[in-house]
Amino acid sequence: VLKSYTNKWLQEMPQVLAFHSALKCHGGSGSTYVLLRKSDEKKQENRERHAKR
């Protein structure tokens, strides 16, 4: 039940780019990997940091 709610909830979040069940060694279907979108502020920080190189 929690897995289905988590699936639905993550699909509705604009900050979530992708998600998937974890590998067995990381908890398997009882765990979830979540890829989050980087904020515009953090993107800009990265651009500035790498432009100085």
Foldseek 3Di string as FASTA:
>chain_A
DVLVVVVVVLVPDPQWPDKDADDVVVPGNVDMDTDGHDDPVVVVVVVVVVVVD
